[in-house]
């Protein structure tokens, strides 16, 4: 049983340039090693500072991967997705919306593993901002046509009615955090660890409904990499599960340094950071994609007849 797929190229030249610059810098920082997805023995994974990646970081640090992997760090989802589209990386964590957008635009991908992320709604520094209702008419930071925009629309609701607010386009999460700290924004949904970094600075954070924070991210692989690197992928899945078991059975103090290095946070933030309950490699549920897909169709982000067929899980053909 072997997978059969072909890889398509990125359509946006500017995205490609951003990805190549980032990959070049990462290669320099790794002692001149080439960061490429062409070596069939090495799985190349694009990473960002997010709690979704913690099992991968633990597995690498503890030596749970029987076959080598290479982590390439990116500072923005745009750069990460461009690297995936060009085949510079084999996989990365993305939200379900991002995975469907990639597939709908012709990049053949598979979503075999559901990841565990964490998001909170952070309030700005103004003293009158204490509750969700205080955001009425406020300046809310988000990035258009993303899961953050989807979550913002569904979170800013009171008694079943949308809370009116002013949209402020801020694509980069660190800039969104700085604008909350400075008072330029009244609120924004931030992933962890950024939400905890905000609360460490005295800002308030509001927990979001569970359907907006869980079952929304996964590890997406290029279908061509699944075919070419089947053995490396099998080894990765074993190591991933070992890491999850380790996380769930060992106190945080034993692996807090990995958390700090992955996220670039202080020991104080690392100790207080709320983490999700990690699960061993489990396929995303197709029903979790449906509300996000319906929103995307309503926005015209995908064709009305688009369906994410073959996206969830690992599909093999004779």
Protein backbone atom coordinates (compact mmCIF):
# COMPACT_ATOMS: atom_id res chain seq x y z
CA UNK A 1 0.00 0.00 0.00
CA UNK A 2 1.66 3.21 -1.15
CA UNK A 3 0.36 6.78 -1.52
CA UNK A 4 0.17 8.30 -4.98
CA UNK A 5 0.29 12.08 -5.31
CA UNK A 6 2.01 14.92 -7.15
CA UNK A 7 3.35 18.19 -5.74
CA UNK A 8 2.28 21.58 -7.11
CA UNK A 9 4.25 24.86 -6.92
CA UNK A 10 3.36 28.07 -5.11
CA UNK A 11 1.47 30.63 -7.10
CA UNK A 12 2.61 33.75 -5.28
CA UNK A 13 6.17 34.77 -6.12
CA UNK A 14 6.43 37.13 -3.19
CA UNK A 15 5.56 34.37 -0.75
CA UNK A 16 8.23 32.21 -2.32
CA UNK A 17 10.86 34.92 -1.90
CA UNK A 18 9.98 35.36 1.78
CA UNK A 19 10.22 31.64 2.38
CA UNK A 20 13.56 31.30 0.62
CA UNK A 21 15.07 34.17 2.61
CA UNK A 22 13.89 32.58 5.86
CA UNK A 23 15.20 29.16 4.84
CA UNK A 24 18.58 30.65 3.92
CA UNK A 25 18.88 32.27 7.34
CA UNK A 26 17.91 29.02 9.05
CA UNK A 27 20.53 27.14 7.03
CA UNK A 28 23.20 29.62 8.13
CA UNK A 29 22.21 29.18 11.77
CA UNK A 30 22.57 25.38 11.41
CA UNK A 31 26.25 25.51 10.47
CA UNK A 32 25.69 25.63 6.73
CA UNK A 33 23.45 22.56 6.45
CA UNK A 34 21.04 22.76 3.58
CA UNK A 35 17.43 22.93 4.68
CA UNK A 36 15.68 20.98 1.96
CA UNK A 37 12.87 18.49 1.72
CA UNK A 38 14.70 16.48 -0.97
CA UNK A 39 16.53 14.02 1.32
CA UNK A 40 14.19 11.03 1.67
CA UNK A 41 15.73 10.06 5.01
CA UNK A 42 15.07 13.40 6.73
CA UNK A 43 11.68 14.85 7.56
CA UNK A 44 11.76 18.66 7.42
CA UNK A 45 9.16 20.42 9.57
CA UNK A 46 8.43 24.13 9.64
CA UNK A 47 7.81 25.45 13.14
CA UNK A 48 6.64 28.66 14.78
CA UNK A 49 6.58 29.70 18.45
CA UNK A 50 3.37 27.88 19.37
CA UNK A 51 2.39 25.33 22.00
CA UNK A 52 1.17 23.02 19.21
CA UNK A 53 4.79 22.11 18.51
CA UNK A 54 5.76 21.12 22.03
CA UNK A 55 5.51 17.32 21.51
CA UNK A 56 7.78 17.64 18.45
CA UNK A 57 10.31 19.71 20.39
CA UNK A 58 10.26 17.25 23.29
CA UNK A 59 10.70 14.27 20.96
CA UNK A 60 13.68 15.89 19.29
CA UNK A 61 15.33 16.93 22.57
CA UNK A 62 14.78 13.53 24.21
CA UNK A 63 15.88 11.52 21.17
CA UNK A 64 12.52 9.86 20.58
CA UNK A 65 12.82 10.12 16.79
CA UNK A 66 14.58 7.00 15.48
CA UNK A 67 15.23 8.81 12.20
CA UNK A 68 16.45 12.40 11.92
CA UNK A 69 14.15 15.35 11.46
CA UNK A 70 15.06 18.95 10.79
CA UNK A 71 13.14 21.88 12.27
CA UNK A 72 12.99 25.14 10.31
CA UNK A 73 11.78 28.16 12.25
CA UNK A 74 9.47 30.75 10.70
CA UNK A 75 8.23 34.07 12.04
CA UNK A 76 4.91 34.27 10.18
CA UNK A 77 2.27 31.87 8.78
CA UNK A 78 2.76 33.42 5.33
CA UNK A 79 6.43 32.39 5.24
CA UNK A 80 5.65 28.96 6.67
CA UNK A 81 2.91 28.22 4.13
CA UNK A 82 5.09 29.45 1.26
CA UNK A 83 7.82 27.03 2.31
CA UNK A 84 5.28 24.21 2.34
CA UNK A 85 3.95 25.13 -1.09
CA UNK A 86 7.44 25.15 -2.61
CA UNK A 87 8.43 21.86 -1.00
CA UNK A 88 11.14 23.46 1.15
CA UNK A 89 9.53 21.75 4.16
CA UNK A 90 7.56 18.54 4.33
CA UNK A 91 5.10 19.52 7.03
CA UNK A 92 4.03 22.18 9.49
CA UNK A 93 1.32 22.85 12.03
CA UNK A 94 -1.49 24.96 10.64
CA UNK A 95 -5.10 25.58 11.48
CA UNK A 96 -7.84 23.75 9.62
CA UNK A 97 -8.67 26.86 7.60
CA UNK A 98 -5.09 27.11 6.42
CA UNK A 99 -5.04 23.44 5.41
CA UNK A 100 -8.25 23.81 3.40
CA UNK A 101 -6.97 26.96 1.70
CA UNK A 102 -3.78 25.15 0.67
CA UNK A 103 -5.75 22.24 -0.76
CA UNK A 104 -8.32 24.43 -2.50
CA UNK A 105 -5.50 26.32 -4.27
CA UNK A 106 -3.95 23.16 -5.63
CA UNK A 107 -1.34 22.15 -3.07
CA UNK A 108 -1.84 18.45 -2.40
CA UNK A 109 -1.69 18.01 1.36
CA UNK A 110 -2.85 15.59 4.02
CA UNK A 111 -3.83 16.33 7.61
CA UNK A 112 -2.98 13.16 9.54
CA UNK A 113 -2.60 14.52 13.07
CA UNK A 114 -4.83 16.76 15.17
CA UNK A 115 -2.76 19.15 17.27
CA UNK A 116 -3.55 20.88 20.53
CA UNK A 117 -3.26 24.65 20.46
CA UNK A 118 -4.40 27.35 22.86
CA UNK A 119 -5.88 30.81 22.26
CA UNK A 120 -7.25 33.55 24.52
CA UNK A 121 -8.87 36.93 23.99
CA UNK A 122 -6.52 39.56 25.44
CA UNK A 123 -7.80 42.98 26.52
CA UNK A 124 -5.82 46.18 26.03
CA UNK A 125 -4.21 48.29 28.75
CA UNK A 126 -7.07 50.76 29.26
CA UNK A 127 -8.34 50.40 32.84
CA UNK A 128 -12.00 50.27 31.76
CA UNK A 129 -11.41 47.05 29.79
CA UNK A 130 -12.41 44.18 32.05
CA UNK A 131 -15.11 42.12 30.33
CA UNK A 132 -16.23 41.09 26.87
CA UNK A 133 -18.94 43.76 26.91
CA UNK A 134 -16.28 46.46 27.39
CA UNK A 135 -15.07 45.77 23.86
CA UNK A 136 -18.23 47.23 22.33
CA UNK A 137 -17.08 49.78 19.76
CA UNK A 138 -13.44 48.98 20.55
CA UNK A 139 -10.47 48.52 18.26
CA UNK A 140 -9.92 44.80 17.69
CA UNK A 141 -6.74 43.49 16.07
CA UNK A 142 -7.00 40.62 13.63
CA UNK A 143 -5.80 39.33 10.27
CA UNK A 144 -8.43 39.02 7.57
CA UNK A 145 -9.47 35.70 6.07
CA UNK A 146 -7.81 33.69 8.84
CA UNK A 147 -8.91 31.50 11.71
CA UNK A 148 -8.31 34.50 14.01
CA UNK A 149 -10.94 36.49 12.14
CA UNK A 150 -13.31 33.51 12.27
CA UNK A 151 -12.74 33.11 16.03
CA UNK A 152 -13.08 36.85 16.65
CA UNK A 153 -16.48 36.99 14.95
CA UNK A 154 -17.69 34.01 16.97
CA UNK A 155 -16.19 35.20 20.26
CA UNK A 156 -17.45 38.80 20.25
CA UNK A 157 -21.04 37.84 20.86
CA UNK A 158 -23.24 38.79 23.82
CA UNK A 159 -26.66 37.26 24.43
CA UNK A 160 -26.61 35.82 20.96
CA UNK A 161 -25.95 39.17 19.30
CA UNK A 162 -22.67 40.31 17.70
CA UNK A 163 -20.79 43.01 19.60
CA UNK A 164 -19.93 45.88 17.22
CA UNK A 165 -16.23 46.69 16.96
CA UNK A 166 -13.69 48.41 14.76
CA UNK A 167 -11.50 46.01 12.80
CA UNK A 168 -7.78 46.77 12.80
CA UNK A 169 -5.69 44.72 10.36
CA UNK A 170 -2.57 43.41 12.12
CA UNK A 171 -1.12 40.31 10.52
CA UNK A 172 1.89 39.65 12.72
CA UNK A 173 1.07 38.34 16.19
CA UNK A 174 4.02 40.01 17.99
CA UNK A 175 2.91 43.39 16.62
CA UNK A 176 -0.64 42.67 17.78
CA UNK A 177 0.73 42.04 21.26
CA UNK A 178 2.74 45.26 21.25
CA UNK A 179 -0.34 47.26 20.18
CA UNK A 180 -2.29 45.78 23.08
CA UNK A 181 0.50 46.74 25.47
CA UNK A 182 0.61 50.30 24.13
CA UNK A 183 -3.15 50.80 24.18
CA UNK A 184 -3.48 51.04 20.39
CA UNK A 185 -5.77 48.01 20.46
CA UNK A 186 -8.61 47.27 22.86
CA UNK A 187 -8.60 43.54 22.24
CA UNK A 188 -7.22 40.73 20.12
CA UNK A 189 -7.21 36.95 20.10
CA UNK A 190 -3.68 35.67 20.67
CA UNK A 191 -2.31 32.12 20.64
CA UNK A 192 -0.16 30.89 23.46
CA UNK A 193 2.45 31.82 24.54
CA UNK A 194 1.59 35.38 23.45
CA UNK A 195 -1.54 35.52 25.61
CA UNK A 196 0.48 34.53 28.68
CA UNK A 197 3.18 37.05 27.80
CA UNK A 198 0.43 39.67 27.79
CA UNK A 199 -0.93 38.65 31.20
CA UNK A 200 2.62 38.67 32.60
CA UNK A 201 2.68 42.35 31.64
CA UNK A 202 -0.56 42.99 33.54
CA UNK A 203 -3.09 42.68 30.72
CA UNK A 204 -6.29 40.70 31.20
CA UNK A 205 -7.19 37.62 29.16
CA UNK A 206 -10.57 35.98 28.63
CA UNK A 207 -10.94 32.27 27.93
CA UNK A 208 -12.72 31.47 24.68
CA UNK A 209 -15.47 28.88 24.12
CA UNK A 210 -13.94 25.43 23.69
CA UNK A 211 -15.08 25.05 20.08
CA UNK A 212 -12.92 28.07 19.17
CA UNK A 213 -9.77 26.86 20.91
CA UNK A 214 -9.70 23.07 20.47
CA UNK A 215 -9.91 20.84 17.41
CA UNK A 216 -8.82 23.63 15.09
CA UNK A 217 -5.15 22.92 14.33
CA UNK A 218 -3.28 19.98 12.87
CA UNK A 219 0.00 18.82 11.39
CA UNK A 220 -0.28 19.11 7.61
CA UNK A 221 2.04 17.14 5.28
CA UNK A 222 2.71 17.48 1.59
CA UNK A 223 1.22 14.42 -0.08
CA UNK A 224 4.42 14.01 -2.11
CA UNK A 225 6.42 13.84 1.14
CA UNK A 226 4.08 11.21 2.56
CA UNK A 227 4.89 9.07 -0.48
CA UNK A 228 8.63 9.76 -0.65
CA UNK A 229 9.29 9.68 3.09
CA UNK A 230 6.91 6.99 4.30
CA UNK A 231 9.51 5.36 6.56
CA UNK A 232 10.58 8.68 8.06
CA UNK A 233 6.95 9.58 8.68
CA UNK A 234 6.29 6.27 10.45
CA UNK A 235 9.28 6.93 12.70
CA UNK A 236 8.03 10.46 13.36
CA UNK A 237 4.61 9.21 14.50
CA UNK A 238 6.20 6.78 16.97
CA UNK A 239 8.42 9.52 18.39
CA UNK A 240 5.51 11.95 18.59
CA UNK A 241 3.48 9.50 20.67
CA UNK A 242 6.44 8.87 22.97
CA UNK A 243 6.77 12.60 23.53
CA UNK A 244 3.09 13.00 24.40
CA UNK A 245 3.34 10.16 26.90
CA UNK A 246 6.42 11.79 28.41
CA UNK A 247 4.68 15.18 28.70
CA UNK A 248 1.69 13.63 30.43
CA UNK A 249 3.73 11.61 32.92
CA UNK A 250 6.57 13.96 33.88
CA UNK A 251 6.35 17.24 35.82
CA UNK A 252 6.84 20.48 33.92
CA UNK A 253 10.08 21.26 35.70
CA UNK A 254 11.72 18.33 33.92
CA UNK A 255 11.05 19.75 30.45
CA UNK A 256 10.53 23.46 31.09
CA UNK A 257 13.79 24.32 29.34
CA UNK A 258 12.43 22.82 26.10
CA UNK A 259 9.32 24.94 26.49
CA UNK A 260 11.41 28.08 27.01
CA UNK A 261 13.63 27.38 24.01
CA UNK A 262 10.72 26.57 21.70
CA UNK A 263 8.68 29.63 22.59
CA UNK A 264 11.40 32.10 23.53
CA UNK A 265 9.82 32.90 26.89
CA UNK A 266 11.10 33.55 30.40
CA UNK A 267 11.08 30.86 33.11
CA UNK A 268 8.28 32.76 34.88
CA UNK A 269 6.02 32.71 31.82
CA UNK A 270 6.92 29.08 31.12
CA UNK A 271 5.83 28.04 34.61
CA UNK A 272 2.50 29.90 34.42
CA UNK A 273 1.69 29.10 30.79
CA UNK A 274 -1.58 27.13 30.50
CA UNK A 275 -0.98 24.16 28.24
CA UNK A 276 -3.51 21.95 26.47
CA UNK A 277 -3.88 18.27 27.23
CA UNK A 278 -1.77 16.65 24.54
CA UNK A 279 -3.00 13.50 22.85
CA UNK A 280 -1.15 10.87 20.90
CA UNK A 281 -1.34 11.03 17.10
CA UNK A 282 -5.04 11.13 16.27
CA UNK A 283 -6.69 12.08 13.01
CA UNK A 284 -8.74 15.29 12.96
CA UNK A 285 -12.49 14.83 12.83
CA UNK A 286 -14.07 15.84 9.56
CA UNK A 287 -17.04 17.35 11.40
CA UNK A 288 -14.71 19.88 13.05
CA UNK A 289 -13.88 21.28 9.62
CA UNK A 290 -17.50 21.90 8.61
CA UNK A 291 -18.31 25.17 10.50
CA UNK A 292 -14.98 26.65 9.41
CA UNK A 293 -15.58 25.56 5.80
CA UNK A 294 -19.07 27.07 5.78
CA UNK A 295 -17.64 30.40 7.00
CA UNK A 296 -14.96 30.27 4.31
CA UNK A 297 -17.57 29.68 1.62
CA UNK A 298 -19.63 32.57 2.94
CA UNK A 299 -16.58 34.79 2.55
CA UNK A 300 -15.77 33.51 -0.91
CA UNK A 301 -12.40 32.16 0.25
CA UNK A 302 -13.08 28.85 -1.49
CA UNK A 303 -15.34 27.86 -4.36
CA UNK A 304 -18.95 27.03 -3.43
CA UNK A 305 -18.43 23.44 -4.58
CA UNK A 306 -15.12 22.91 -2.77
CA UNK A 307 -15.04 19.99 -0.36
CA UNK A 308 -11.94 18.89 1.59
CA UNK A 309 -11.96 15.37 0.14
CA UNK A 310 -8.89 13.36 0.99
CA UNK A 311 -7.57 16.01 3.36
CA UNK A 312 -8.07 14.36 6.74
CA UNK A 313 -5.83 11.45 7.64
CA UNK A 314 -3.34 9.49 5.57
CA UNK A 315 -4.79 8.17 2.32
CA UNK A 316 -3.14 5.28 0.52
CA UNK A 317 -3.94 3.61 -2.78
CA UNK A 318 -2.78 0.34 -4.31
